[in-house]
Amino acid sequence: MVVDQLSDAELDRLFQAFADTTRRDIMRRVTVGEYSVTGLAALYAMSFAAVQKHVAVLERASLVTKEKRGREQIVRGNHDGLEKARRLLDEYEAIWRQRVARIADILAEELTEE
């Protein structure tokens, strides 16, 4: 299970990264193409430094990578990090589905006993 493979700190970084609208929007953009930090900053009504901090949060969560290209920092989605996040959410969904199935079984048993 991915949950067992990730430390609490890694889980915290993943959920912190996805907890912000701007970071989710940056993720959406960099999964379909690469952007410079300057290019990303032009898309948001906030300072360059603020966008750079959002990118740093995503980078700490291993959701994006940054590469220095000339004077630019190029940001792109990290497929491995996204895959890890997807598997984590799939596991949580499976847990929920098992709980719902157990509740449905209990309700079905109660109906047949009546």
PDB file of N, CA and C in Angstrom:
ATOM      1  N   MET A   1       0.838  -1.195   0.000  1.00  0.00           N
ATOM      2  CA  MET A   1       0.000   0.000   0.000  1.00  0.00           C
ATOM      3  C   MET A   1       0.871   1.242   0.000  1.00  0.00           C
ATOM      4  N   VAL A   2       0.482   2.220  -0.781  1.00  0.00           N
ATOM      5  CA  VAL A   2       1.217   3.479  -0.857  1.00  0.00           C
ATOM      6  C   VAL A   2       1.210   4.186   0.498  1.00  0.00           C
ATOM      7  N   VAL A   3       0.063   4.091   1.185  1.00  0.00           N
ATOM      8  CA  VAL A   3      -0.050   4.764   2.485  1.00  0.00           C
ATOM      9  C   VAL A   3       1.040   4.267   3.421  1.00  0.00           C
ATOM     10  N   ASP A   4       1.287   2.950   3.384  1.00  0.00           N
ATOM     11  CA  ASP A   4       2.320   2.382   4.245  1.00  0.00           C
ATOM     12  C   ASP A   4       3.718   2.760   3.790  1.00  0.00           C
ATOM     13  N   GLN A   5       3.877   3.061   2.503  1.00  0.00           N
ATOM     14  CA  GLN A   5       5.191   3.377   1.962  1.00  0.00           C
ATOM     15  C   GLN A   5       5.592   4.831   2.190  1.00  0.00           C
ATOM     16  N   LEU A   6       4.614   5.686   2.396  1.00  0.00           N
ATOM     17  CA  LEU A   6       4.907   7.109   2.580  1.00  0.00           C
ATOM     18  C   LEU A   6       5.007   7.426   4.062  1.00  0.00           C
ATOM     19  N   SER A   7       5.976   8.248   4.399  1.00  0.00           N
ATOM     20  CA  SER A   7       6.091   8.693   5.790  1.00  0.00           C
ATOM     21  C   SER A   7       5.001   9.723   6.065  1.00  0.00           C
ATOM     22  N   ASP A   8       4.773   9.979   7.344  1.00  0.00           N
ATOM     23  CA  ASP A   8       3.794  11.016   7.696  1.00  0.00           C
ATOM     24  C   ASP A   8       4.180  12.362   7.089  1.00  0.00           C
ATOM     25  N   ALA A   9       5.464  12.653   7.061  1.00  0.00           N
ATOM     26  CA  ALA A   9       5.923  13.928   6.495  1.00  0.00           C
ATOM     27  C   ALA A   9       5.607  13.997   5.004  1.00  0.00           C
ATOM     28  N   GLU A  10       5.785  12.877   4.290  1.00  0.00           N
ATOM     29  CA  GLU A  10       5.477  12.857   2.852  1.00  0.00           C
ATOM     30  C   GLU A  10       3.975  13.033   2.611  1.00  0.00           C
ATOM     31  N   LEU A  11       3.169  12.363   3.437  1.00  0.00           N
ATOM     32  CA  LEU A  11       1.716  12.524   3.316  1.00  0.00           C
ATOM     33  C   LEU A  11       1.322  13.975   3.572  1.00  0.00           C
ATOM     34  N   ASP A  12       1.904  14.570   4.599  1.00  0.00           N
ATOM     35  CA  ASP A  12       1.607  15.977   4.911  1.00  0.00           C
ATOM     36  C   ASP A  12       1.965  16.879   3.728  1.00  0.00           C
ATOM     37  N   ARG A  13       3.119  16.628   3.118  1.00  0.00           N
ATOM     38  CA  ARG A  13       3.540  17.467   1.986  1.00  0.00           C
ATOM     39  C   ARG A  13       2.586  17.319   0.802  1.00  0.00           C
ATOM     40  N   LEU A  14       2.124  16.090   0.540  1.00  0.00           N
ATOM     41  CA  LEU A  14       1.182  15.879  -0.558  1.00  0.00           C
ATOM     42  C   LEU A  14      -0.129  16.611  -0.312  1.00  0.00           C
ATOM     43  N   PHE A  15      -0.688  16.434   0.881  1.00  0.00           N
ATOM     44  CA  PHE A  15      -1.975  17.076   1.156  1.00  0.00           C
ATOM     45  C   PHE A  15      -1.828  18.590   1.268  1.00  0.00           C
ATOM     46  N   GLN A  16      -0.715  19.060   1.782  1.00  0.00           N
ATOM     47  CA  GLN A  16      -0.478  20.505   1.819  1.00  0.00           C
ATOM     48  C   GLN A  16      -0.419  21.061   0.396  1.00  0.00           C
ATOM     49  N   ALA A  17       0.215  20.337  -0.488  1.00  0.00           N
ATOM     50  CA  ALA A  17       0.344  20.803  -1.874  1.00  0.00           C
ATOM     51  C   ALA A  17      -1.020  20.912  -2.545  1.00  0.00           C
ATOM     52  N   PHE A  18      -1.895  19.953  -2.304  1.00  0.00           N
ATOM     53  CA  PHE A  18      -3.203  19.953  -2.960  1.00  0.00           C
ATOM     54  C   PHE A  18      -4.233  20.811  -2.229  1.00  0.00           C
ATOM     55  N   ALA A  19      -3.885  21.347  -1.080  1.00  0.00           N
ATOM     56  CA  ALA A  19      -4.845  22.087  -0.261  1.00  0.00           C
ATOM     57  C   ALA A  19      -5.064  23.524  -0.723  1.00  0.00           C
ATOM     58  N   ASP A  20      -4.366  23.956  -1.738  1.00  0.00           N
ATOM     59  CA  ASP A  20      -4.440  25.347  -2.160  1.00  0.00           C
ATOM     60  C   ASP A  20      -4.886  25.438  -3.621  1.00  0.00           C
ATOM     61  N   THR A  21      -5.804  26.335  -3.902  1.00  0.00           N
ATOM     62  CA  THR A  21      -6.342  26.507  -5.253  1.00  0.00           C
ATOM     63  C   THR A  21      -5.256  26.859  -6.272  1.00  0.00           C
ATOM     64  N   THR A  22      -4.382  27.766  -5.919  1.00  0.00           N
ATOM     65  CA  THR A  22      -3.330  28.178  -6.852  1.00  0.00           C
ATOM     66  C   THR A  22      -2.417  27.000  -7.175  1.00  0.00           C
ATOM     67  N   ARG A  23      -2.060  26.238  -6.154  1.00  0.00           N
ATOM     68  CA  ARG A  23      -1.163  25.086  -6.406  1.00  0.00           C
ATOM     69  C   ARG A  23      -1.846  24.044  -7.279  1.00  0.00           C
ATOM     70  N   ARG A  24      -3.137  23.812  -7.046  1.00  0.00           N
ATOM     71  CA  ARG A  24      -3.851  22.859  -7.915  1.00  0.00           C
ATOM     72  C   ARG A  24      -3.890  23.379  -9.348  1.00  0.00           C
ATOM     73  N   ASP A  25      -4.072  24.683  -9.520  1.00  0.00           N
ATOM     74  CA  ASP A  25      -4.091  25.258 -10.859  1.00  0.00           C
ATOM     75  C   ASP A  25      -2.714  25.162 -11.523  1.00  0.00           C
ATOM     76  N   ILE A  26      -1.671  25.412 -10.760  1.00  0.00           N
ATOM     77  CA  ILE A  26      -0.312  25.260 -11.302  1.00  0.00           C
ATOM     78  C   ILE A  26      -0.102  23.808 -11.735  1.00  0.00           C
ATOM     79  N   MET A  27      -0.556  22.866 -10.914  1.00  0.00           N
ATOM     80  CA  MET A  27      -0.425  21.439 -11.271  1.00  0.00           C
ATOM     81  C   MET A  27      -1.137  21.147 -12.588  1.00  0.00           C
ATOM     82  N   ARG A  28      -2.354  21.680 -12.720  1.00  0.00           N
ATOM     83  CA  ARG A  28      -3.125  21.454 -13.940  1.00  0.00           C
ATOM     84  C   ARG A  28      -2.339  21.954 -15.155  1.00  0.00           C
ATOM     85  N   ARG A  29      -1.738  23.107 -15.018  1.00  0.00           N
ATOM     86  CA  ARG A  29      -1.001  23.685 -16.144  1.00  0.00           C
ATOM     87  C   ARG A  29       0.283  22.909 -16.471  1.00  0.00           C
ATOM     88  N   VAL A  30       1.054  22.567 -15.446  1.00  0.00           N
ATOM     89  CA  VAL A  30       2.366  21.961 -15.719  1.00  0.00           C
ATOM     90  C   VAL A  30       2.276  20.467 -16.041  1.00  0.00           C
ATOM     91  N   THR A  31       1.109  19.878 -15.877  1.00  0.00           N
ATOM     92  CA  THR A  31       0.981  18.480 -16.306  1.00  0.00           C
ATOM     93  C   THR A  31       0.752  18.387 -17.813  1.00  0.00           C
ATOM     94  N   VAL A  32       0.326  19.475 -18.439  1.00  0.00           N
ATOM     95  CA  VAL A  32       0.125  19.451 -19.886  1.00  0.00           C
ATOM     96  C   VAL A  32       1.231  20.186 -20.643  1.00  0.00           C
ATOM     97  N   GLY A  33       2.069  20.889 -19.942  1.00  0.00           N
ATOM     98  CA  GLY A  33       3.161  21.597 -20.597  1.00  0.00           C
ATOM     99  C   GLY A  33       4.094  22.197 -19.566  1.00  0.00           C
ATOM    100  N   GLU A  34       5.256  22.580 -20.006  1.00  0.00           N
ATOM    101  CA  GLU A  34       6.193  23.172 -19.061  1.00  0.00           C
ATOM    102  C   GLU A  34       6.065  24.684 -19.083  1.00  0.00           C
ATOM    103  N   TYR A  35       6.301  25.277 -17.936  1.00  0.00           N
ATOM    104  CA  TYR A  35       6.208  26.724 -17.773  1.00  0.00           C
ATOM    105  C   TYR A  35       7.437  27.201 -17.031  1.00  0.00           C
ATOM    106  N   SER A  36       7.856  28.402 -17.332  1.00  0.00           N
ATOM    107  CA  SER A  36       8.859  29.031 -16.485  1.00  0.00           C
ATOM    108  C   SER A  36       8.142  29.598 -15.268  1.00  0.00           C
ATOM    109  N   VAL A  37       8.862  29.784 -14.202  1.00  0.00           N
ATOM    110  CA  VAL A  37       8.251  30.388 -13.009  1.00  0.00           C
ATOM    111  C   VAL A  37       7.765  31.784 -13.358  1.00  0.00           C
ATOM    112  N   THR A  38       8.520  32.486 -14.182  1.00  0.00           N
ATOM    113  CA  THR A  38       8.108  33.824 -14.624  1.00  0.00           C
ATOM    114  C   THR A  38       6.799  33.745 -15.411  1.00  0.00           C
ATOM    115  N   GLY A  39       6.687  32.753 -16.292  1.00  0.00           N
ATOM    116  CA  GLY A  39       5.462  32.566 -17.061  1.00  0.00           C
ATOM    117  C   GLY A  39       4.274  32.249 -16.171  1.00  0.00           C
ATOM    118  N   LEU A  40       4.501  31.420 -15.156  1.00  0.00           N
ATOM    119  CA  LEU A  40       3.423  31.120 -14.211  1.00  0.00           C
ATOM    120  C   LEU A  40       3.034  32.375 -13.445  1.00  0.00           C
ATOM    121  N   ALA A  41       4.018  33.139 -13.015  1.00  0.00           N
ATOM    122  CA  ALA A  41       3.738  34.339 -12.227  1.00  0.00           C
ATOM    123  C   ALA A  41       2.882  35.332 -13.007  1.00  0.00           C
ATOM    124  N   ALA A  42       3.039  35.349 -14.328  1.00  0.00           N
ATOM    125  CA  ALA A  42       2.249  36.265 -15.156  1.00  0.00           C
ATOM    126  C   ALA A  42       0.768  35.878 -15.178  1.00  0.00           C
ATOM    127  N   LEU A  43       0.454  34.635 -14.798  1.00  0.00           N
ATOM    128  CA  LEU A  43      -0.921  34.147 -14.865  1.00  0.00           C
ATOM    129  C   LEU A  43      -1.731  34.409 -13.598  1.00  0.00           C
ATOM    130  N   TYR A  44      -1.078  34.829 -12.537  1.00  0.00           N
ATOM    131  CA  TYR A  44      -1.760  34.987 -11.251  1.00  0.00           C
ATOM    132  C   TYR A  44      -1.599  36.401 -10.721  1.00  0.00           C
ATOM    133  N   ALA A  45      -2.611  36.842 -10.012  1.00  0.00           N
ATOM    134  CA  ALA A  45      -2.590  38.181  -9.419  1.00  0.00           C
ATOM    135  C   ALA A  45      -1.865  38.132  -8.083  1.00  0.00           C
ATOM    136  N   MET A  46      -0.617  37.762  -8.145  1.00  0.00           N
ATOM    137  CA  MET A  46       0.219  37.723  -6.940  1.00  0.00           C
ATOM    138  C   MET A  46       1.657  37.954  -7.373  1.00  0.00           C
ATOM    139  N   SER A  47       2.501  38.152  -6.406  1.00  0.00           N
ATOM    140  CA  SER A  47       3.890  38.466  -6.729  1.00  0.00           C
ATOM    141  C   SER A  47       4.623  37.226  -7.273  1.00  0.00           C
ATOM    142  N   PHE A  48       5.721  37.486  -7.943  1.00  0.00           N
ATOM    143  CA  PHE A  48       6.591  36.411  -8.424  1.00  0.00           C
ATOM    144  C   PHE A  48       7.028  35.542  -7.251  1.00  0.00           C
ATOM    145  N   ALA A  49       7.394  36.188  -6.149  1.00  0.00           N
ATOM    146  CA  ALA A  49       7.869  35.446  -4.975  1.00  0.00           C
ATOM    147  C   ALA A  49       6.785  34.510  -4.437  1.00  0.00           C
ATOM    148  N   ALA A  50       5.530  34.958  -4.459  1.00  0.00           N
ATOM    149  CA  ALA A  50       4.431  34.113  -3.971  1.00  0.00           C
ATOM    150  C   ALA A  50       4.263  32.884  -4.864  1.00  0.00           C
ATOM    151  N   VAL A  51       4.334  33.095  -6.178  1.00  0.00           N
ATOM    152  CA  VAL A  51       4.221  31.953  -7.107  1.00  0.00           C
ATOM    153  C   VAL A  51       5.412  31.013  -6.914  1.00  0.00           C
ATOM    154  N   GLN A  52       6.578  31.581  -6.724  1.00  0.00           N
ATOM    155  CA  GLN A  52       7.771  30.772  -6.496  1.00  0.00           C
ATOM    156  C   GLN A  52       7.604  29.913  -5.232  1.00  0.00           C
ATOM    157  N   LYS A  53       6.963  30.464  -4.192  1.00  0.00           N
ATOM    158  CA  LYS A  53       6.725  29.682  -2.965  1.00  0.00           C
ATOM    159  C   LYS A  53       5.738  28.552  -3.227  1.00  0.00           C
ATOM    160  N   HIS A  54       4.704  28.823  -4.040  1.00  0.00           N
ATOM    161  CA  HIS A  54       3.757  27.751  -4.385  1.00  0.00           C
ATOM    162  C   HIS A  54       4.476  26.630  -5.134  1.00  0.00           C
ATOM    163  N   VAL A  55       5.330  27.004  -6.072  1.00  0.00           N
ATOM    164  CA  VAL A  55       6.088  26.003  -6.831  1.00  0.00           C
ATOM    165  C   VAL A  55       6.999  25.207  -5.886  1.00  0.00           C
ATOM    166  N   ALA A  56       7.585  25.877  -4.912  1.00  0.00           N
ATOM    167  CA  ALA A  56       8.464  25.192  -3.959  1.00  0.00           C
ATOM    168  C   ALA A  56       7.677  24.160  -3.143  1.00  0.00           C
ATOM    169  N   VAL A  57       6.445  24.498  -2.757  1.00  0.00           N
ATOM    170  CA  VAL A  57       5.608  23.540  -2.013  1.00  0.00           C
ATOM    171  C   VAL A  57       5.335  22.318  -2.884  1.00  0.00           C
ATOM    172  N   LEU A  58       5.019  22.555  -4.156  1.00  0.00           N
ATOM    173  CA  LEU A  58       4.767  21.435  -5.077  1.00  0.00           C
ATOM    174  C   LEU A  58       6.028  20.607  -5.302  1.00  0.00           C
ATOM    175  N   GLU A  59       7.155  21.266  -5.354  1.00  0.00           N
ATOM    176  CA  GLU A  59       8.422  20.563  -5.554  1.00  0.00           C
ATOM    177  C   GLU A  59       8.763  19.712  -4.325  1.00  0.00           C
ATOM    178  N   ARG A  60       8.534  20.241  -3.123  1.00  0.00           N
ATOM    179  CA  ARG A  60       8.793  19.462  -1.897  1.00  0.00           C
ATOM    180  C   ARG A  60       7.911  18.220  -1.832  1.00  0.00           C
ATOM    181  N   ALA A  61       6.723  18.306  -2.414  1.00  0.00           N
ATOM    182  CA  ALA A  61       5.803  17.163  -2.432  1.00  0.00           C
ATOM    183  C   ALA A  61       6.115  16.219  -3.603  1.00  0.00           C
ATOM    184  N   SER A  62       7.164  16.514  -4.353  1.00  0.00           N
ATOM    185  CA  SER A  62       7.578  15.711  -5.525  1.00  0.00           C
ATOM    186  C   SER A  62       6.521  15.689  -6.621  1.00  0.00           C
ATOM    187  N   LEU A  63       5.703  16.717  -6.698  1.00  0.00           N
ATOM    188  CA  LEU A  63       4.671  16.783  -7.729  1.00  0.00           C
ATOM    189  C   LEU A  63       5.160  17.513  -8.973  1.00  0.00           C
ATOM    190  N   VAL A  64       6.176  18.352  -8.828  1.00  0.00           N
ATOM    191  CA  VAL A  64       6.773  19.037  -9.974  1.00  0.00           C
ATOM    192  C   VAL A  64       8.294  18.950  -9.863  1.00  0.00           C
ATOM    193  N   THR A  65       8.929  19.171 -10.992  1.00  0.00           N
ATOM    194  CA  THR A  65      10.386  19.308 -10.987  1.00  0.00           C
ATOM    195  C   THR A  65      10.718  20.671 -11.578  1.00  0.00           C
ATOM    196  N   LYS A  66      11.848  21.202 -11.166  1.00  0.00           N
ATOM    197  CA  LYS A  66      12.325  22.475 -11.699  1.00  0.00           C
ATOM    198  C   LYS A  66      13.685  22.230 -12.322  1.00  0.00           C
ATOM    199  N   GLU A  67      13.885  22.869 -13.443  1.00  0.00           N
ATOM    200  CA  GLU A  67      15.165  22.744 -14.141  1.00  0.00           C
ATOM    201  C   GLU A  67      15.621  24.135 -14.536  1.00  0.00           C
ATOM    202  N   LYS A  68      16.862  24.436 -14.243  1.00  0.00           N
ATOM    203  CA  LYS A  68      17.392  25.732 -14.638  1.00  0.00           C
ATOM    204  C   LYS A  68      17.752  25.667 -16.116  1.00  0.00           C
ATOM    205  N   ARG A  69      17.179  26.583 -16.883  1.00  0.00           N
ATOM    206  CA  ARG A  69      17.469  26.652 -18.316  1.00  0.00           C
ATOM    207  C   ARG A  69      17.794  28.108 -18.627  1.00  0.00           C
ATOM    208  N   GLY A  70      19.075  28.364 -18.765  1.00  0.00           N
ATOM    209  CA  GLY A  70      19.498  29.758 -18.948  1.00  0.00           C
ATOM    210  C   GLY A  70      19.184  30.551 -17.689  1.00  0.00           C
ATOM    211  N   ARG A  71      18.446  31.629 -17.872  1.00  0.00           N
ATOM    212  CA  ARG A  71      18.069  32.451 -16.707  1.00  0.00           C
ATOM    213  C   ARG A  71      16.713  32.058 -16.142  1.00  0.00           C
ATOM    214  N   GLU A  72      16.087  31.063 -16.734  1.00  0.00           N
ATOM    215  CA  GLU A  72      14.729  30.661 -16.340  1.00  0.00           C
ATOM    216  C   GLU A  72      14.757  29.385 -15.501  1.00  0.00           C
ATOM    217  N   GLN A  73      13.774  29.263 -14.633  1.00  0.00           N
ATOM    218  CA  GLN A  73      13.503  28.029 -13.907  1.00  0.00           C
ATOM    219  C   GLN A  73      12.280  27.412 -14.574  1.00  0.00           C
ATOM    220  N   ILE A  74      12.454  26.266 -15.206  1.00  0.00           N
ATOM    221  CA  ILE A  74      11.357  25.616 -15.929  1.00  0.00           C
ATOM    222  C   ILE A  74      10.692  24.600 -15.001  1.00  0.00           C
ATOM    223  N   VAL A  75       9.368  24.681 -14.916  1.00  0.00           N
ATOM    224  CA  VAL A  75       8.587  23.805 -14.033  1.00  0.00           C
ATOM    225  C   VAL A  75       7.788  22.844 -14.903  1.00  0.00           C
ATOM    226  N   ARG A  76       7.820  21.581 -14.520  1.00  0.00           N
ATOM    227  CA  ARG A  76       6.988  20.590 -15.224  1.00  0.00           C
ATOM    228  C   ARG A  76       6.481  19.575 -14.202  1.00  0.00           C
ATOM    229  N   GLY A  77       5.361  18.956 -14.549  1.00  0.00           N
ATOM    230  CA  GLY A  77       4.776  17.957 -13.662  1.00  0.00           C
ATOM    231  C   GLY A  77       5.695  16.756 -13.544  1.00  0.00           C
ATOM    232  N   ASN A  78       5.732  16.162 -12.366  1.00  0.00           N
ATOM    233  CA  ASN A  78       6.535  14.974 -12.115  1.00  0.00           C
ATOM    234  C   ASN A  78       5.595  13.767 -12.146  1.00  0.00           C
ATOM    235  N   HIS A  79       5.683  12.989 -13.222  1.00  0.00           N
ATOM    236  CA  HIS A  79       4.777  11.854 -13.400  1.00  0.00           C
ATOM    237  C   HIS A  79       4.838  10.889 -12.211  1.00  0.00           C
ATOM    238  N   ASP A  80       6.024  10.599 -11.707  1.00  0.00           N
ATOM    239  CA  ASP A  80       6.147   9.654 -10.580  1.00  0.00           C
ATOM    240  C   ASP A  80       5.442  10.177  -9.335  1.00  0.00           C
ATOM    241  N   GLY A  81       5.588  11.469  -9.067  1.00  0.00           N
ATOM    242  CA  GLY A  81       4.917  12.063  -7.899  1.00  0.00           C
ATOM    243  C   GLY A  81       3.413  12.048  -8.051  1.00  0.00           C
ATOM    244  N   LEU A  82       2.937  12.369  -9.256  1.00  0.00           N
ATOM    245  CA  LEU A  82       1.493  12.334  -9.510  1.00  0.00           C
ATOM    246  C   LEU A  82       0.957  10.916  -9.406  1.00  0.00           C
ATOM    247  N   GLU A  83       1.706   9.960  -9.894  1.00  0.00           N
ATOM    248  CA  GLU A  83       1.292   8.556  -9.819  1.00  0.00           C
ATOM    249  C   GLU A  83       1.188   8.114  -8.362  1.00  0.00           C
ATOM    250  N   LYS A  84       2.139   8.532  -7.549  1.00  0.00           N
ATOM    251  CA  LYS A  84       2.105   8.189  -6.122  1.00  0.00           C
ATOM    252  C   LYS A  84       0.862   8.793  -5.461  1.00  0.00           C
ATOM    253  N   ALA A  85       0.554  10.048  -5.800  1.00  0.00           N
ATOM    254  CA  ALA A  85      -0.641  10.705  -5.243  1.00  0.00           C
ATOM    255  C   ALA A  85      -1.907   9.985  -5.712  1.00  0.00           C
ATOM    256  N   ARG A  86      -1.944   9.587  -6.995  1.00  0.00           N
ATOM    257  CA  ARG A  86      -3.115   8.887  -7.513  1.00  0.00           C
ATOM    258  C   ARG A  86      -3.328   7.564  -6.786  1.00  0.00           C
ATOM    259  N   ARG A  87      -2.251   6.805  -6.594  1.00  0.00           N
ATOM    260  CA  ARG A  87      -2.374   5.516  -5.895  1.00  0.00           C
ATOM    261  C   ARG A  87      -2.824   5.715  -4.455  1.00  0.00           C
ATOM    262  N   LEU A  88      -2.331   6.768  -3.818  1.00  0.00           N
ATOM    263  CA  LEU A  88      -2.750   7.070  -2.447  1.00  0.00           C
ATOM    264  C   LEU A  88      -4.257   7.335  -2.399  1.00  0.00           C
ATOM    265  N   LEU A  89      -4.753   8.174  -3.302  1.00  0.00           N
ATOM    266  CA  LEU A  89      -6.187   8.487  -3.321  1.00  0.00           C
ATOM    267  C   LEU A  89      -7.012   7.252  -3.698  1.00  0.00           C
ATOM    268  N   ASP A  90      -6.489   6.415  -4.591  1.00  0.00           N
ATOM    269  CA  ASP A  90      -7.176   5.167  -4.931  1.00  0.00           C
ATOM    270  C   ASP A  90      -7.330   4.278  -3.693  1.00  0.00           C
ATOM    271  N   GLU A  91      -6.290   4.230  -2.867  1.00  0.00           N
ATOM    272  CA  GLU A  91      -6.367   3.418  -1.650  1.00  0.00           C
ATOM    273  C   GLU A  91      -7.419   3.964  -0.694  1.00  0.00           C
ATOM    274  N   TYR A  92      -7.462   5.273  -0.536  1.00  0.00           N
ATOM    275  CA  TYR A  92      -8.492   5.865   0.329  1.00  0.00           C
ATOM    276  C   TYR A  92      -9.882   5.582  -0.226  1.00  0.00           C
ATOM    277  N   GLU A  93     -10.036   5.657  -1.557  1.00  0.00           N
ATOM    278  CA  GLU A  93     -11.324   5.357  -2.169  1.00  0.00           C
ATOM    279  C   GLU A  93     -11.714   3.901  -1.915  1.00  0.00           C
ATOM    280  N   ALA A  94     -10.739   2.985  -2.019  1.00  0.00           N
ATOM    281  CA  ALA A  94     -11.018   1.562  -1.782  1.00  0.00           C
ATOM    282  C   ALA A  94     -11.474   1.345  -0.337  1.00  0.00           C
ATOM    283  N   ILE A  95     -10.843   2.035   0.601  1.00  0.00           N
ATOM    284  CA  ILE A  95     -11.255   1.924   2.009  1.00  0.00           C
ATOM    285  C   ILE A  95     -12.697   2.382   2.157  1.00  0.00           C
ATOM    286  N   TRP A  96     -13.031   3.516   1.539  1.00  0.00           N
ATOM    287  CA  TRP A  96     -14.409   4.015   1.621  1.00  0.00           C
ATOM    288  C   TRP A  96     -15.394   3.045   0.992  1.00  0.00           C
ATOM    289  N   ARG A  97     -15.035   2.503  -0.160  1.00  0.00           N
ATOM    290  CA  ARG A  97     -15.938   1.557  -0.839  1.00  0.00           C
ATOM    291  C   ARG A  97     -16.156   0.305   0.017  1.00  0.00           C
ATOM    292  N   GLN A  98     -15.105  -0.166   0.700  1.00  0.00           N
ATOM    293  CA  GLN A  98     -15.261  -1.321   1.584  1.00  0.00           C
ATOM    294  C   GLN A  98     -16.204  -0.982   2.742  1.00  0.00           C
ATOM    295  N   ARG A  99     -16.075   0.200   3.302  1.00  0.00           N
ATOM    296  CA  ARG A  99     -16.957   0.603   4.407  1.00  0.00           C
ATOM    297  C   ARG A  99     -18.404   0.696   3.942  1.00  0.00           C
ATOM    298  N   VAL A 100     -18.640   1.273   2.795  1.00  0.00           N
ATOM    299  CA  VAL A 100     -19.998   1.387   2.253  1.00  0.00           C
ATOM    300  C   VAL A 100     -20.565  -0.002   1.998  1.00  0.00           C
ATOM    301  N   ALA A 101     -19.742  -0.916   1.472  1.00  0.00           N
ATOM    302  CA  ALA A 101     -20.210  -2.283   1.216  1.00  0.00           C
ATOM    303  C   ALA A 101     -20.578  -2.977   2.522  1.00  0.00           C
ATOM    304  N   ARG A 102     -19.767  -2.769   3.572  1.00  0.00           N
ATOM    305  CA  ARG A 102     -20.081  -3.376   4.875  1.00  0.00           C
ATOM    306  C   ARG A 102     -21.394  -2.822   5.431  1.00  0.00           C
ATOM    307  N   ILE A 103     -21.604  -1.534   5.302  1.00  0.00           N
ATOM    308  CA  ILE A 103     -22.858  -0.923   5.770  1.00  0.00           C
ATOM    309  C   ILE A 103     -24.035  -1.503   4.988  1.00  0.00           C
ATOM    310  N   ALA A 104     -23.878  -1.645   3.679  1.00  0.00           N
ATOM    311  CA  ALA A 104     -24.946  -2.217   2.854  1.00  0.00           C
ATOM    312  C   ALA A 104     -25.237  -3.661   3.270  1.00  0.00           C
ATOM    313  N   ASP A 105     -24.183  -4.428   3.589  1.00  0.00           N
ATOM    314  CA  ASP A 105     -24.379  -5.810   4.051  1.00  0.00           C
ATOM    315  C   ASP A 105     -25.142  -5.850   5.372  1.00  0.00           C
ATOM    316  N   ILE A 106     -24.778  -4.977   6.289  1.00  0.00           N
ATOM    317  CA  ILE A 106     -25.449  -4.926   7.599  1.00  0.00           C
ATOM    318  C   ILE A 106     -26.917  -4.560   7.411  1.00  0.00           C
ATOM    319  N   LEU A 107     -27.186  -3.580   6.571  1.00  0.00           N
ATOM    320  CA  LEU A 107     -28.581  -3.185   6.322  1.00  0.00           C
ATOM    321  C   LEU A 107     -29.362  -4.317   5.660  1.00  0.00           C
ATOM    322  N   ALA A 108     -28.713  -5.032   4.732  1.00  0.00           N
ATOM    323  CA  ALA A 108     -29.385  -6.154   4.059  1.00  0.00           C
ATOM    324  C   ALA A 108     -29.703  -7.265   5.055  1.00  0.00           C
ATOM    325  N   GLU A 109     -28.767  -7.533   5.981  1.00  0.00           N
ATOM    326  CA  GLU A 109     -29.008  -8.552   7.012  1.00  0.00           C
ATOM    327  C   GLU A 109     -30.170  -8.153   7.902  1.00  0.00           C
ATOM    328  N   GLU A 110     -30.229  -6.923   8.280  1.00  0.00           N
ATOM    329  CA  GLU A 110     -31.329  -6.451   9.146  1.00  0.00           C
ATOM    330  C   GLU A 110     -32.669  -6.571   8.431  1.00  0.00           C
ATOM    331  N   LEU A 111     -32.712  -6.289   7.139  1.00  0.00           N
ATOM    332  CA  LEU A 111     -33.956  -6.396   6.389  1.00  0.00           C
ATOM    333  C   LEU A 111     -34.415  -7.846   6.281  1.00  0.00           C
ATOM    334  N   THR A 112     -33.482  -8.793   6.109  1.00  0.00           N
ATOM    335  CA  THR A 112     -33.867 -10.202   5.976  1.00  0.00           C
ATOM    336  C   THR A 112     -34.306 -10.776   7.316  1.00  0.00           C
ATOM    337  N   GLU A 113     -33.783 -10.230   8.436  1.00  0.00           N
ATOM    338  CA  GLU A 113     -34.179 -10.701   9.768  1.00  0.00           C
ATOM    339  C   GLU A 113     -35.578 -10.230  10.143  1.00  0.00           C
ATOM    340  N   GLU A 114     -36.028  -9.139   9.555  1.00  0.00           N
ATOM    341  CA  GLU A 114     -37.346  -8.601   9.911  1.00  0.00           C
ATOM    342  C   GLU A 114     -38.470  -9.325   9.250  1.00  0.00           C
TER     343      GLU A 114
END
